Amino acid sequence: MSVRRLAKEQPASFAFSKATKAKCDWWIAKYPADRKQSAVIPILWLVQKQEGWVSEPAIRAIAELLDMPTIRVLEVATFYTMFMLEPVGTSALIQVCGTTPCMLRGAGDLMAVCKSKIGPKDKLSADGRFTWQEVECLGACANAPMAQINDYYFEDLSADDMAQIIDDFAAGKTPKPGSRVGRTSSEPEGGALTLTDPKLYDGSAAEPIRKLPNSEPEKAPA
């Protein structure tokens, strides 16, 4: 397993925005005063949402906010791969699933498009707008191949779909996430094939409940 390190080039400083600081305070208040270090993961995430990545000055600021050693915050930030330790694309961070189901369904073609349009994986594009990565299973195997782009899942992708999505982001558009074949959740293409009768789940086929379970027993007739 490779060691995850902070970027070589770091900003001179970091400051919490007013909105980020308010959310940090909300998280800290969820824990006892002597356990506020428990908020380190959500606060790292809030910083990443503010800056796009987690810098070394930000790690020091989080450590000061939570009264914990800087090295402890660094340990958390380098352990969880969801934290970006160097700048990523300002328009799109594309994380292509490379686990077996997606690979069998064409993930390699999606990666080839990303490499052609953006450049090498794990590297910021020349214009600073795009980064793409190969990641492990994102849990949408039935909708393979797929990618997480920024905060959303794009599923049932083809190479042409990926190319269009990148072009749309480059043009300042916001591509719609979800399935590219019209699939709802993880049901089969074309719609559900089983459990299609609404009576099975809307309660209309059930007998009416005369009294709630575990309620007081009915009184015996006088």
Foldseek 3Di string as FASTA:
>chain_A
DDFDDADPDFDPADDQDPVLVVVLVVQQVVDPLVPSCVCLVVSLVSVCVVVVAAELRNLVVSCVVNVHDSVVSVVVQRPDPVGHRYHFAPLKEKEWEDDDLQVVVASVLQVVLCCVPANDAPDQRPVRHHHYYYDHDPPQSLFHGWIQIDHAIAGVDDSVRSNVCVVCSVVVHDDDHDYPQPDDRNADRPDHDPPPDVCVPPVPPDDDDPDDPPDDDDDDDD
